[in-house]
């Protein structure tokens, strides 16, 4: 099980957080997404056999989130 902690500038409001969670949970291999509303910190747990951290980051960037 892999873990990644990233910061997303846009993860400040409820709507944006829900969008980020939905986006990440659609990726096969992502097990859990936790977002800290205070500072935009996003913790992601994922199955390294199914998805890489780079794939997760590129998916966020393709959807106009600044990591």
PDB file of N, CA and C in Angstrom:
ATOM      1  N   UNK A   1       0.846  -1.182   0.000  1.00  0.00           N
ATOM      2  CA  UNK A   1       0.000   0.000   0.000  1.00  0.00           C
ATOM      3  C   UNK A   1       0.887   1.239   0.000  1.00  0.00           C
ATOM      4  N   UNK A   2       0.638   2.110  -0.949  1.00  0.00           N
ATOM      5  CA  UNK A   2       1.396   3.349  -1.026  1.00  0.00           C
ATOM      6  C   UNK A   2       0.631   4.501  -0.404  1.00  0.00           C
ATOM      7  N   UNK A   3       1.361   5.497  -0.007  1.00  0.00           N
ATOM      8  CA  UNK A   3       0.760   6.710   0.557  1.00  0.00           C
ATOM      9  C   UNK A   3       1.429   7.917  -0.054  1.00  0.00           C
ATOM     10  N   UNK A   4       0.626   8.952  -0.285  1.00  0.00           N
ATOM     11  CA  UNK A   4       1.164  10.209  -0.797  1.00  0.00           C
ATOM     12  C   UNK A   4       0.472  11.346  -0.067  1.00  0.00           C
ATOM     13  N   UNK A   5       1.235  12.352   0.286  1.00  0.00           N
ATOM     14  CA  UNK A   5       0.680  13.562   0.870  1.00  0.00           C
ATOM     15  C   UNK A   5       1.071  14.714  -0.040  1.00  0.00           C
ATOM     16  N   UNK A   6       0.057  15.397  -0.535  1.00  0.00           N
ATOM     17  CA  UNK A   6       0.293  16.512  -1.446  1.00  0.00           C
ATOM     18  C   UNK A   6      -0.523  17.715  -0.983  1.00  0.00           C
ATOM     19  N   UNK A   7      -0.207  18.857  -1.521  1.00  0.00           N
ATOM     20  CA  UNK A   7      -0.967  20.064  -1.217  1.00  0.00           C
ATOM     21  C   UNK A   7      -1.561  20.593  -2.512  1.00  0.00           C
ATOM     22  N   UNK A   8      -2.859  20.884  -2.467  1.00  0.00           N
ATOM     23  CA  UNK A   8      -3.564  21.411  -3.630  1.00  0.00           C
ATOM     24  C   UNK A   8      -4.138  22.769  -3.264  1.00  0.00           C
ATOM     25  N   UNK A   9      -3.716  23.797  -4.006  1.00  0.00           N
ATOM     26  CA  UNK A   9      -4.143  25.166  -3.716  1.00  0.00           C
ATOM     27  C   UNK A   9      -5.660  25.306  -3.700  1.00  0.00           C
ATOM     28  N   UNK A  10      -6.334  24.596  -4.599  1.00  0.00           N
ATOM     29  CA  UNK A  10      -7.777  24.743  -4.755  1.00  0.00           C
ATOM     30  C   UNK A  10      -8.597  23.987  -3.705  1.00  0.00           C
ATOM     31  N   UNK A  11      -7.967  23.219  -2.851  1.00  0.00           N
ATOM     32  CA  UNK A  11      -8.690  22.392  -1.872  1.00  0.00           C
ATOM     33  C   UNK A  11      -9.031  23.194  -0.621  1.00  0.00           C
ATOM     34  N   UNK A  12      -9.849  24.219  -0.799  1.00  0.00           N
ATOM     35  CA  UNK A  12     -10.171  25.072   0.337  1.00  0.00           C
ATOM     36  C   UNK A  12     -11.662  25.123   0.646  1.00  0.00           C
ATOM     37  N   UNK A  13     -12.507  24.927  -0.341  1.00  0.00           N
ATOM     38  CA  UNK A  13     -13.951  24.980  -0.117  1.00  0.00           C
ATOM     39  C   UNK A  13     -14.574  23.600  -0.225  1.00  0.00           C
ATOM     40  N   UNK A  14     -15.782  23.464   0.324  1.00  0.00           N
ATOM     41  CA  UNK A  14     -16.460  22.168   0.315  1.00  0.00           C
ATOM     42  C   UNK A  14     -16.659  21.624  -1.099  1.00  0.00           C
ATOM     43  N   UNK A  15     -17.058  22.485  -2.022  1.00  0.00           N
ATOM     44  CA  UNK A  15     -17.315  22.047  -3.392  1.00  0.00           C
ATOM     45  C   UNK A  15     -16.040  21.520  -4.048  1.00  0.00           C
ATOM     46  N   UNK A  16     -14.941  22.263  -3.910  1.00  0.00           N
ATOM     47  CA  UNK A  16     -13.679  21.842  -4.508  1.00  0.00           C
ATOM     48  C   UNK A  16     -13.176  20.540  -3.888  1.00  0.00           C
ATOM     49  N   UNK A  17     -13.333  20.422  -2.585  1.00  0.00           N
ATOM     50  CA  UNK A  17     -12.884  19.205  -1.897  1.00  0.00           C
ATOM     51  C   UNK A  17     -13.672  17.998  -2.383  1.00  0.00           C
ATOM     52  N   UNK A  18     -14.980  18.149  -2.534  1.00  0.00           N
ATOM     53  CA  UNK A  18     -15.796  17.046  -3.039  1.00  0.00           C
ATOM     54  C   UNK A  18     -15.378  16.663  -4.448  1.00  0.00           C
ATOM     55  N   UNK A  19     -15.086  17.652  -5.281  1.00  0.00           N
ATOM     56  CA  UNK A  19     -14.659  17.376  -6.655  1.00  0.00           C
ATOM     57  C   UNK A  19     -13.333  16.620  -6.671  1.00  0.00           C
ATOM     58  N   UNK A  20     -12.401  17.036  -5.834  1.00  0.00           N
ATOM     59  CA  UNK A  20     -11.098  16.359  -5.757  1.00  0.00           C
ATOM     60  C   UNK A  20     -11.272  14.921  -5.277  1.00  0.00           C
ATOM     61  N   UNK A  21     -12.080  14.734  -4.228  1.00  0.00           N
ATOM     62  CA  UNK A  21     -12.312  13.385  -3.709  1.00  0.00           C
ATOM     63  C   UNK A  21     -12.953  12.495  -4.761  1.00  0.00           C
ATOM     64  N   UNK A  22     -13.953  13.012  -5.473  1.00  0.00           N
ATOM     65  CA  UNK A  22     -14.617  12.224  -6.512  1.00  0.00           C
ATOM     66  C   UNK A  22     -13.641  11.861  -7.627  1.00  0.00           C
ATOM     67  N   UNK A  23     -12.853  12.828  -8.048  1.00  0.00           N
ATOM     68  CA  UNK A  23     -11.879  12.599  -9.113  1.00  0.00           C
ATOM     69  C   UNK A  23     -10.896  11.497  -8.724  1.00  0.00           C
ATOM     70  N   UNK A  24     -10.324  11.616  -7.531  1.00  0.00           N
ATOM     71  CA  UNK A  24      -9.323  10.647  -7.093  1.00  0.00           C
ATOM     72  C   UNK A  24      -9.929   9.272  -6.841  1.00  0.00           C
ATOM     73  N   UNK A  25     -11.133   9.216  -6.299  1.00  0.00           N
ATOM     74  CA  UNK A  25     -11.759   7.924  -6.016  1.00  0.00           C
ATOM     75  C   UNK A  25     -12.164   7.183  -7.284  1.00  0.00           C
ATOM     76  N   UNK A  26     -12.219   7.869  -8.417  1.00  0.00           N
ATOM     77  CA  UNK A  26     -12.532   7.215  -9.687  1.00  0.00           C
ATOM     78  C   UNK A  26     -11.321   6.476 -10.260  1.00  0.00           C
ATOM     79  N   UNK A  27     -10.143   6.797  -9.773  1.00  0.00           N
ATOM     80  CA  UNK A  27      -8.925   6.156 -10.277  1.00  0.00           C
ATOM     81  C   UNK A  27      -8.820   4.752  -9.674  1.00  0.00           C
ATOM     82  N   UNK A  28      -8.685   3.763 -10.541  1.00  0.00           N
ATOM     83  CA  UNK A  28      -8.556   2.392 -10.050  1.00  0.00           C
ATOM     84  C   UNK A  28      -7.272   2.259  -9.238  1.00  0.00           C
ATOM     85  N   UNK A  29      -7.406   1.729  -8.031  1.00  0.00           N
ATOM     86  CA  UNK A  29      -6.252   1.548  -7.165  1.00  0.00           C
ATOM     87  C   UNK A  29      -6.202   2.548  -6.022  1.00  0.00           C
ATOM     88  N   UNK A  30      -6.933   3.646  -6.127  1.00  0.00           N
ATOM     89  CA  UNK A  30      -6.988   4.615  -5.025  1.00  0.00           C
ATOM     90  C   UNK A  30      -7.932   4.053  -3.972  1.00  0.00           C
ATOM     91  N   UNK A  31      -7.415   3.894  -2.761  1.00  0.00           N
ATOM     92  CA  UNK A  31      -8.179   3.280  -1.684  1.00  0.00           C
ATOM     93  C   UNK A  31      -8.858   4.308  -0.779  1.00  0.00           C
ATOM     94  N   UNK A  32      -8.159   5.426  -0.521  1.00  0.00           N
ATOM     95  CA  UNK A  32      -8.670   6.388   0.467  1.00  0.00           C
ATOM     96  C   UNK A  32      -8.127   7.767   0.159  1.00  0.00           C
ATOM     97  N   UNK A  33      -8.984   8.782   0.340  1.00  0.00           N
ATOM     98  CA  UNK A  33      -8.589  10.171   0.129  1.00  0.00           C
ATOM     99  C   UNK A  33      -9.062  10.986   1.324  1.00  0.00           C
ATOM    100  N   UNK A  34      -8.135  11.693   1.962  1.00  0.00           N
ATOM    101  CA  UNK A  34      -8.470  12.570   3.088  1.00  0.00           C
ATOM    102  C   UNK A  34      -7.969  13.966   2.777  1.00  0.00           C
ATOM    103  N   UNK A  35      -8.855  14.955   2.919  1.00  0.00           N
ATOM    104  CA  UNK A  35      -8.496  16.331   2.603  1.00  0.00           C
ATOM    105  C   UNK A  35      -8.615  17.179   3.866  1.00  0.00           C
ATOM    106  N   UNK A  36      -7.559  17.927   4.167  1.00  0.00           N
ATOM    107  CA  UNK A  36      -7.558  18.865   5.290  1.00  0.00           C
ATOM    108  C   UNK A  36      -8.022  20.217   4.747  1.00  0.00           C
ATOM    109  N   UNK A  37      -9.179  20.664   5.217  1.00  0.00           N
ATOM    110  CA  UNK A  37      -9.765  21.897   4.685  1.00  0.00           C
ATOM    111  C   UNK A  37      -8.987  23.147   5.065  1.00  0.00           C
ATOM    112  N   UNK A  38      -8.172  23.075   6.092  1.00  0.00           N
ATOM    113  CA  UNK A  38      -7.447  24.266   6.552  1.00  0.00           C
ATOM    114  C   UNK A  38      -6.301  24.669   5.625  1.00  0.00           C
ATOM    115  N   UNK A  39      -5.575  23.684   5.118  1.00  0.00           N
ATOM    116  CA  UNK A  39      -4.382  24.025   4.335  1.00  0.00           C
ATOM    117  C   UNK A  39      -4.285  23.353   2.967  1.00  0.00           C
ATOM    118  N   UNK A  40      -5.316  22.614   2.565  1.00  0.00           N
ATOM    119  CA  UNK A  40      -5.286  21.973   1.255  1.00  0.00           C
ATOM    120  C   UNK A  40      -4.442  20.714   1.196  1.00  0.00           C
ATOM    121  N   UNK A  41      -4.104  20.163   2.346  1.00  0.00           N
ATOM    122  CA  UNK A  41      -3.317  18.932   2.390  1.00  0.00           C
ATOM    123  C   UNK A  41      -4.214  17.751   2.007  1.00  0.00           C
ATOM    124  N   UNK A  42      -3.742  16.933   1.086  1.00  0.00           N
ATOM    125  CA  UNK A  42      -4.491  15.770   0.629  1.00  0.00           C
ATOM    126  C   UNK A  42      -3.652  14.528   0.872  1.00  0.00           C
ATOM    127  N   UNK A  43      -4.195  13.588   1.641  1.00  0.00           N
ATOM    128  CA  UNK A  43      -3.520  12.318   1.887  1.00  0.00           C
ATOM    129  C   UNK A  43      -4.228  11.253   1.064  1.00  0.00           C
ATOM    130  N   UNK A  44      -3.435  10.506   0.319  1.00  0.00           N
ATOM    131  CA  UNK A  44      -3.980   9.504  -0.586  1.00  0.00           C
ATOM    132  C   UNK A  44      -3.342   8.159  -0.270  1.00  0.00           C
ATOM    133  N   UNK A  45      -4.168   7.145  -0.071  1.00  0.00           N
ATOM    134  CA  UNK A  45      -3.686   5.778   0.084  1.00  0.00           C
ATOM    135  C   UNK A  45      -4.066   5.040  -1.189  1.00  0.00           C
ATOM    136  N   UNK A  46      -3.096   4.313  -1.763  1.00  0.00           N
ATOM    137  CA  UNK A  46      -3.362   3.651  -3.033  1.00  0.00           C
ATOM    138  C   UNK A  46      -2.605   2.341  -3.150  1.00  0.00           C
ATOM    139  N   UNK A  47      -3.086   1.480  -4.023  1.00  0.00           N
ATOM    140  CA  UNK A  47      -2.463   0.195  -4.294  1.00  0.00           C
ATOM    141  C   UNK A  47      -1.402   0.409  -5.375  1.00  0.00           C
ATOM    142  N   UNK A  48      -0.160   0.262  -5.002  1.00  0.00           N
ATOM    143  CA  UNK A  48       0.955   0.505  -5.928  1.00  0.00           C
ATOM    144  C   UNK A  48       0.989  -0.487  -7.088  1.00  0.00           C
ATOM    145  N   UNK A  49       0.290  -1.598  -6.952  1.00  0.00           N
ATOM    146  CA  UNK A  49       0.220  -2.577  -8.041  1.00  0.00           C
ATOM    147  C   UNK A  49      -0.736  -2.113  -9.145  1.00  0.00           C
ATOM    148  N   UNK A  50      -1.645  -1.197  -8.796  1.00  0.00           N
ATOM    149  CA  UNK A  50      -2.672  -0.763  -9.752  1.00  0.00           C
ATOM    150  C   UNK A  50      -2.460   0.648 -10.282  1.00  0.00           C
ATOM    151  N   UNK A  51      -1.849   1.516  -9.470  1.00  0.00           N
ATOM    152  CA  UNK A  51      -1.687   2.910  -9.882  1.00  0.00           C
ATOM    153  C   UNK A  51      -0.437   3.495  -9.233  1.00  0.00           C
ATOM    154  N   UNK A  52       0.208   4.411  -9.939  1.00  0.00           N
ATOM    155  CA  UNK A  52       1.413   5.046  -9.395  1.00  0.00           C
ATOM    156  C   UNK A  52       1.085   6.453  -8.888  1.00  0.00           C
ATOM    157  N   UNK A  53       1.961   6.952  -8.046  1.00  0.00           N
ATOM    158  CA  UNK A  53       1.807   8.322  -7.555  1.00  0.00           C
ATOM    159  C   UNK A  53       1.853   9.303  -8.723  1.00  0.00           C
ATOM    160  N   UNK A  54       2.716   9.048  -9.690  1.00  0.00           N
ATOM    161  CA  UNK A  54       2.816   9.923 -10.863  1.00  0.00           C
ATOM    162  C   UNK A  54       1.505   9.978 -11.630  1.00  0.00           C
ATOM    163  N   UNK A  55       0.823   8.852 -11.752  1.00  0.00           N
ATOM    164  CA  UNK A  55      -0.467   8.803 -12.457  1.00  0.00           C
ATOM    165  C   UNK A  55      -1.505   9.641 -11.697  1.00  0.00           C
ATOM    166  N   UNK A  56      -1.496   9.555 -10.387  1.00  0.00           N
ATOM    167  CA  UNK A  56      -2.433  10.334  -9.563  1.00  0.00           C
ATOM    168  C   UNK A  56      -2.164  11.822  -9.745  1.00  0.00           C
ATOM    169  N   UNK A  57      -0.895  12.203  -9.669  1.00  0.00           N
ATOM    170  CA  UNK A  57      -0.529  13.616  -9.825  1.00  0.00           C
ATOM    171  C   UNK A  57      -0.868  14.133 -11.216  1.00  0.00           C
ATOM    172  N   UNK A  58      -0.604  13.342 -12.235  1.00  0.00           N
ATOM    173  CA  UNK A  58      -0.900  13.803 -13.596  1.00  0.00           C
ATOM    174  C   UNK A  58      -2.401  13.928 -13.822  1.00  0.00           C
ATOM    175  N   UNK A  59      -3.193  13.061 -13.194  1.00  0.00           N
ATOM    176  CA  UNK A  59      -4.655  13.174 -13.297  1.00  0.00           C
ATOM    177  C   UNK A  59      -5.131  14.475 -12.683  1.00  0.00           C
ATOM    178  N   UNK A  60      -4.579  14.839 -11.538  1.00  0.00           N
ATOM    179  CA  UNK A  60      -4.945  16.110 -10.899  1.00  0.00           C
ATOM    180  C   UNK A  60      -4.567  17.290 -11.782  1.00  0.00           C
ATOM    181  N   UNK A  61      -3.360  17.258 -12.314  1.00  0.00           N
ATOM    182  CA  UNK A  61      -2.885  18.364 -13.152  1.00  0.00           C
ATOM    183  C   UNK A  61      -3.693  18.479 -14.439  1.00  0.00           C
ATOM    184  N   UNK A  62      -4.095  17.356 -15.009  1.00  0.00           N
ATOM    185  CA  UNK A  62      -4.919  17.380 -16.224  1.00  0.00           C
ATOM    186  C   UNK A  62      -6.295  17.986 -15.954  1.00  0.00           C
ATOM    187  N   UNK A  63      -6.711  17.955 -14.700  1.00  0.00           N
ATOM    188  CA  UNK A  63      -8.010  18.527 -14.321  1.00  0.00           C
ATOM    189  C   UNK A  63      -7.861  19.908 -13.691  1.00  0.00           C
ATOM    190  N   UNK A  64      -6.738  20.553 -13.997  1.00  0.00           N
ATOM    191  CA  UNK A  64      -6.482  21.943 -13.604  1.00  0.00           C
ATOM    192  C   UNK A  64      -6.341  22.184 -12.104  1.00  0.00           C
ATOM    193  N   UNK A  65      -5.813  21.205 -11.398  1.00  0.00           N
ATOM    194  CA  UNK A  65      -5.482  21.395  -9.983  1.00  0.00           C
ATOM    195  C   UNK A  65      -3.973  21.614  -9.885  1.00  0.00           C
ATOM    196  N   UNK A  66      -3.573  22.573  -9.054  1.00  0.00           N
ATOM    197  CA  UNK A  66      -2.157  22.899  -8.895  1.00  0.00           C
ATOM    198  C   UNK A  66      -1.597  22.171  -7.688  1.00  0.00           C
ATOM    199  N   UNK A  67      -0.734  21.220  -7.966  1.00  0.00           N
ATOM    200  CA  UNK A  67      -0.144  20.380  -6.909  1.00  0.00           C
ATOM    201  C   UNK A  67       1.144  21.013  -6.440  1.00  0.00           C
TER     202      UNK A  67
END
